[in-house]
Amino acid sequence: MFGENPADLASIDPVSKSLTDNTDPHSNRLPVSYVVSVNRLRVPSRAVGHLEAAQRHFLKMQLAEATGEIERAIRIYPGFAEA
């Protein structure tokens, strides 16, 4: 039965890669990094590609290029809230 074995009470945290205690046997929620919204699945891959390019430009402080990429992403999919 779940929870009786001490090994059932520990898991690896996918973000920190460290061992965590899970003392709640009813906790079966996935970590946030594994959850994808339905709206995100609807976004065309080209729009996602432009957003990722915008993020790369932003990290390099290339703000004009980042803005252009975001505009292209929104033009492809106007409902792209993340952009």
N, C-alpha and C. Protein backbone atom coordinates (compact mmCIF):
# COMPACT_ATOMS: atom_id res chain seq x y z
N MET A 1 0.84 -1.18 0.00
CA MET A 1 0.00 0.00 0.00
C MET A 1 0.88 1.24 0.00
N PHE A 2 0.46 2.29 -0.69
CA PHE A 2 1.23 3.52 -0.82
C PHE A 2 1.37 4.19 0.54
N GLY A 3 2.56 4.69 0.82
CA GLY A 3 2.80 5.41 2.05
C GLY A 3 3.35 4.56 3.16
N GLU A 4 3.30 3.24 3.04
CA GLU A 4 3.83 2.38 4.08
C GLU A 4 5.32 2.17 3.92
N ASN A 5 5.81 2.21 2.72
CA ASN A 5 7.22 2.04 2.44
C ASN A 5 7.90 3.40 2.52
N PRO A 6 8.96 3.56 3.32
CA PRO A 6 9.64 4.86 3.41
C PRO A 6 10.09 5.40 2.06
N ALA A 7 10.38 4.52 1.12
CA ALA A 7 10.80 4.98 -0.21
C ALA A 7 9.67 5.72 -0.93
N ASP A 8 8.42 5.43 -0.56
CA ASP A 8 7.29 6.11 -1.17
C ASP A 8 7.17 7.56 -0.70
N LEU A 9 7.86 7.90 0.39
CA LEU A 9 7.73 9.22 0.96
C LEU A 9 8.77 10.20 0.46
N ALA A 10 9.61 9.80 -0.45
CA ALA A 10 10.65 10.68 -0.96
C ALA A 10 10.57 10.71 -2.48
N SER A 11 10.95 11.83 -3.03
CA SER A 11 10.99 11.96 -4.49
C SER A 11 12.07 12.97 -4.85
N ILE A 12 12.39 13.02 -6.12
CA ILE A 12 13.37 13.98 -6.61
C ILE A 12 12.64 15.19 -7.14
N ASP A 13 12.98 16.36 -6.65
CA ASP A 13 12.41 17.62 -7.13
C ASP A 13 13.03 17.91 -8.50
N PRO A 14 12.22 18.00 -9.58
CA PRO A 14 12.77 18.17 -10.92
C PRO A 14 13.47 19.51 -11.12
N VAL A 15 13.14 20.51 -10.33
CA VAL A 15 13.77 21.82 -10.50
C VAL A 15 15.12 21.86 -9.81
N SER A 16 15.16 21.48 -8.53
CA SER A 16 16.40 21.58 -7.78
C SER A 16 17.24 20.30 -7.86
N LYS A 17 16.65 19.23 -8.40
CA LYS A 17 17.31 17.93 -8.52
C LYS A 17 17.73 17.39 -7.15
N SER A 18 17.01 17.79 -6.10
CA SER A 18 17.34 17.31 -4.77
C SER A 18 16.22 16.43 -4.23
N LEU A 19 16.55 15.67 -3.24
CA LEU A 19 15.59 14.76 -2.63
C LEU A 19 14.64 15.55 -1.75
N THR A 20 13.35 15.30 -1.91
CA THR A 20 12.34 15.97 -1.09
C THR A 20 11.47 14.94 -0.42
N ASP A 21 10.90 15.33 0.71
CA ASP A 21 9.95 14.46 1.41
C ASP A 21 8.57 14.70 0.87
N ASN A 22 7.82 13.63 0.67
CA ASN A 22 6.42 13.74 0.26
C ASN A 22 5.60 12.97 1.28
N THR A 23 5.19 13.66 2.32
CA THR A 23 4.46 12.98 3.37
C THR A 23 2.96 12.95 3.11
N ASP A 24 2.49 13.59 2.08
CA ASP A 24 1.06 13.60 1.75
C ASP A 24 0.81 12.51 0.70
N PRO A 25 0.23 11.38 1.11
CA PRO A 25 0.01 10.29 0.14
C PRO A 25 -1.04 10.63 -0.90
N HIS A 26 -1.78 11.70 -0.69
CA HIS A 26 -2.81 12.09 -1.66
C HIS A 26 -2.29 13.11 -2.66
N SER A 27 -1.07 13.52 -2.51
CA SER A 27 -0.49 14.51 -3.40
C SER A 27 0.00 13.83 -4.66
N ASN A 28 -0.76 13.95 -5.73
CA ASN A 28 -0.35 13.35 -7.00
C ASN A 28 -0.28 14.40 -8.08
N ARG A 29 -0.15 15.67 -7.69
CA ARG A 29 -0.06 16.75 -8.66
C ARG A 29 1.31 16.73 -9.31
N LEU A 30 1.33 17.02 -10.58
CA LEU A 30 2.58 17.10 -11.31
C LEU A 30 3.28 18.41 -11.00
N PRO A 31 4.60 18.44 -11.04
CA PRO A 31 5.31 19.71 -10.89
C PRO A 31 4.88 20.67 -12.00
N VAL A 32 4.93 21.94 -11.71
CA VAL A 32 4.48 22.96 -12.66
C VAL A 32 5.21 22.83 -13.99
N SER A 33 6.47 22.44 -13.99
CA SER A 33 7.23 22.35 -15.24
C SER A 33 6.67 21.29 -16.18
N TYR A 34 5.84 20.38 -15.70
CA TYR A 34 5.26 19.34 -16.54
C TYR A 34 3.85 19.69 -17.01
N VAL A 35 3.32 20.80 -16.56
CA VAL A 35 1.96 21.18 -16.90
C VAL A 35 1.98 22.14 -18.09
N VAL A 36 1.16 21.83 -19.10
CA VAL A 36 1.05 22.68 -20.29
C VAL A 36 -0.42 23.01 -20.47
N SER A 37 -0.70 24.30 -20.63
CA SER A 37 -2.10 24.69 -20.80
C SER A 37 -2.58 24.35 -22.20
N VAL A 38 -3.88 24.19 -22.33
CA VAL A 38 -4.48 23.91 -23.63
C VAL A 38 -4.24 25.08 -24.57
N ASN A 39 -4.31 26.30 -24.05
CA ASN A 39 -4.06 27.47 -24.89
C ASN A 39 -2.66 27.46 -25.47
N ARG A 40 -1.68 27.03 -24.69
CA ARG A 40 -0.30 26.97 -25.20
C ARG A 40 -0.17 25.93 -26.31
N LEU A 41 -0.91 24.84 -26.20
CA LEU A 41 -0.84 23.81 -27.23
C LEU A 41 -1.44 24.28 -28.55
N ARG A 42 -2.30 25.28 -28.50
CA ARG A 42 -2.92 25.81 -29.71
C ARG A 42 -2.02 26.77 -30.48
N VAL A 43 -0.96 27.25 -29.86
CA VAL A 43 -0.09 28.23 -30.48
C VAL A 43 0.75 27.56 -31.57
N PRO A 44 0.72 28.12 -32.79
CA PRO A 44 1.54 27.55 -33.87
C PRO A 44 3.03 27.58 -33.52
N SER A 45 3.74 26.58 -33.96
CA SER A 45 5.17 26.48 -33.63
C SER A 45 5.97 27.67 -34.17
N ARG A 46 5.54 28.25 -35.28
CA ARG A 46 6.24 29.44 -35.80
C ARG A 46 6.15 30.60 -34.83
N ALA A 47 4.97 30.77 -34.20
CA ALA A 47 4.81 31.85 -33.22
C ALA A 47 5.68 31.59 -31.99
N VAL A 48 5.75 30.36 -31.55
CA VAL A 48 6.60 30.00 -30.41
C VAL A 48 8.06 30.27 -30.76
N GLY A 49 8.45 29.94 -31.98
CA GLY A 49 9.82 30.19 -32.43
C GLY A 49 10.18 31.67 -32.38
N HIS A 50 9.24 32.52 -32.78
CA HIS A 50 9.49 33.96 -32.72
C HIS A 50 9.60 34.44 -31.28
N LEU A 51 8.79 33.90 -30.38
CA LEU A 51 8.88 34.28 -28.98
C LEU A 51 10.23 33.84 -28.39
N GLU A 52 10.66 32.64 -28.72
CA GLU A 52 11.96 32.17 -28.23
C GLU A 52 13.09 33.03 -28.77
N ALA A 53 12.99 33.44 -30.04
CA ALA A 53 13.99 34.34 -30.62
C ALA A 53 13.97 35.68 -29.89
N ALA A 54 12.77 36.16 -29.55
CA ALA A 54 12.66 37.42 -28.81
C ALA A 54 13.34 37.31 -27.45
N GLN A 55 13.16 36.18 -26.79
CA GLN A 55 13.79 35.99 -25.48
C GLN A 55 15.32 35.98 -25.61
N ARG A 56 15.85 35.37 -26.67
CA ARG A 56 17.30 35.37 -26.89
C ARG A 56 17.80 36.80 -27.13
N HIS A 57 17.07 37.56 -27.96
CA HIS A 57 17.46 38.95 -28.22
C HIS A 57 17.40 39.78 -26.94
N PHE A 58 16.37 39.56 -26.13
CA PHE A 58 16.22 40.31 -24.89
C PHE A 58 17.40 40.05 -23.96
N LEU A 59 17.83 38.80 -23.85
CA LEU A 59 18.97 38.48 -22.99
C LEU A 59 20.25 39.19 -23.43
N LYS A 60 20.34 39.47 -24.73
CA LYS A 60 21.50 40.19 -25.26
C LYS A 60 21.26 41.70 -25.27
N MET A 61 20.13 42.12 -24.69
CA MET A 61 19.73 43.53 -24.65
C MET A 61 19.52 44.12 -26.05
N GLN A 62 19.15 43.30 -26.99
CA GLN A 62 18.80 43.72 -28.35
C GLN A 62 17.29 43.94 -28.37
N LEU A 63 16.87 45.05 -27.79
CA LEU A 63 15.45 45.27 -27.53
C LEU A 63 14.64 45.51 -28.80
N ALA A 64 15.20 46.20 -29.78
CA ALA A 64 14.46 46.43 -31.02
C ALA A 64 14.19 45.10 -31.73
N GLU A 65 15.19 44.24 -31.78
CA GLU A 65 15.01 42.93 -32.40
C GLU A 65 14.01 42.08 -31.63
N ALA A 66 14.08 42.14 -30.30
CA ALA A 66 13.14 41.39 -29.46
C ALA A 66 11.71 41.85 -29.71
N THR A 67 11.53 43.16 -29.81
CA THR A 67 10.19 43.70 -30.06
C THR A 67 9.67 43.24 -31.40
N GLY A 68 10.52 43.23 -32.42
CA GLY A 68 10.11 42.76 -33.75
C GLY A 68 9.68 41.30 -33.73
N GLU A 69 10.41 40.48 -33.01
CA GLU A 69 10.06 39.06 -32.92
C GLU A 69 8.73 38.87 -32.20
N ILE A 70 8.50 39.63 -31.14
CA ILE A 70 7.23 39.54 -30.42
C ILE A 70 6.08 39.96 -31.33
N GLU A 71 6.29 41.03 -32.09
CA GLU A 71 5.25 41.48 -33.01
C GLU A 71 4.93 40.42 -34.06
N ARG A 72 5.96 39.74 -34.56
CA ARG A 72 5.74 38.66 -35.53
C ARG A 72 4.97 37.50 -34.90
N ALA A 73 5.31 37.17 -33.66
CA ALA A 73 4.62 36.08 -32.96
C ALA A 73 3.14 36.42 -32.80
N ILE A 74 2.85 37.65 -32.43
CA ILE A 74 1.45 38.06 -32.23
C ILE A 74 0.72 38.16 -33.56
N ARG A 75 1.41 38.56 -34.61
CA ARG A 75 0.79 38.62 -35.93
C ARG A 75 0.39 37.21 -36.40
N ILE A 76 1.21 36.21 -36.10
CA ILE A 76 0.91 34.84 -36.48
C ILE A 76 -0.26 34.31 -35.66
N TYR A 77 -0.26 34.60 -34.37
CA TYR A 77 -1.31 34.09 -33.49
C TYR A 77 -1.69 35.19 -32.50
N PRO A 78 -2.69 36.00 -32.83
CA PRO A 78 -3.07 37.13 -31.98
C PRO A 78 -3.45 36.76 -30.55
N GLY A 79 -3.87 35.54 -30.32
CA GLY A 79 -4.25 35.11 -28.98
C GLY A 79 -3.08 34.62 -28.14
N PHE A 80 -1.87 34.88 -28.58
CA PHE A 80 -0.67 34.39 -27.89
C PHE A 80 -0.38 35.28 -26.68
N ALA A 81 -1.03 34.96 -25.56
CA ALA A 81 -0.94 35.79 -24.36
C ALA A 81 0.48 35.87 -23.81
N GLU A 82 1.23 34.81 -23.94
CA GLU A 82 2.59 34.80 -23.38
C GLU A 82 3.48 35.83 -24.07
N ALA A 83 3.25 36.07 -25.35
CA ALA A 83 4.03 37.07 -26.10
C ALA A 83 3.62 38.44 -25.64
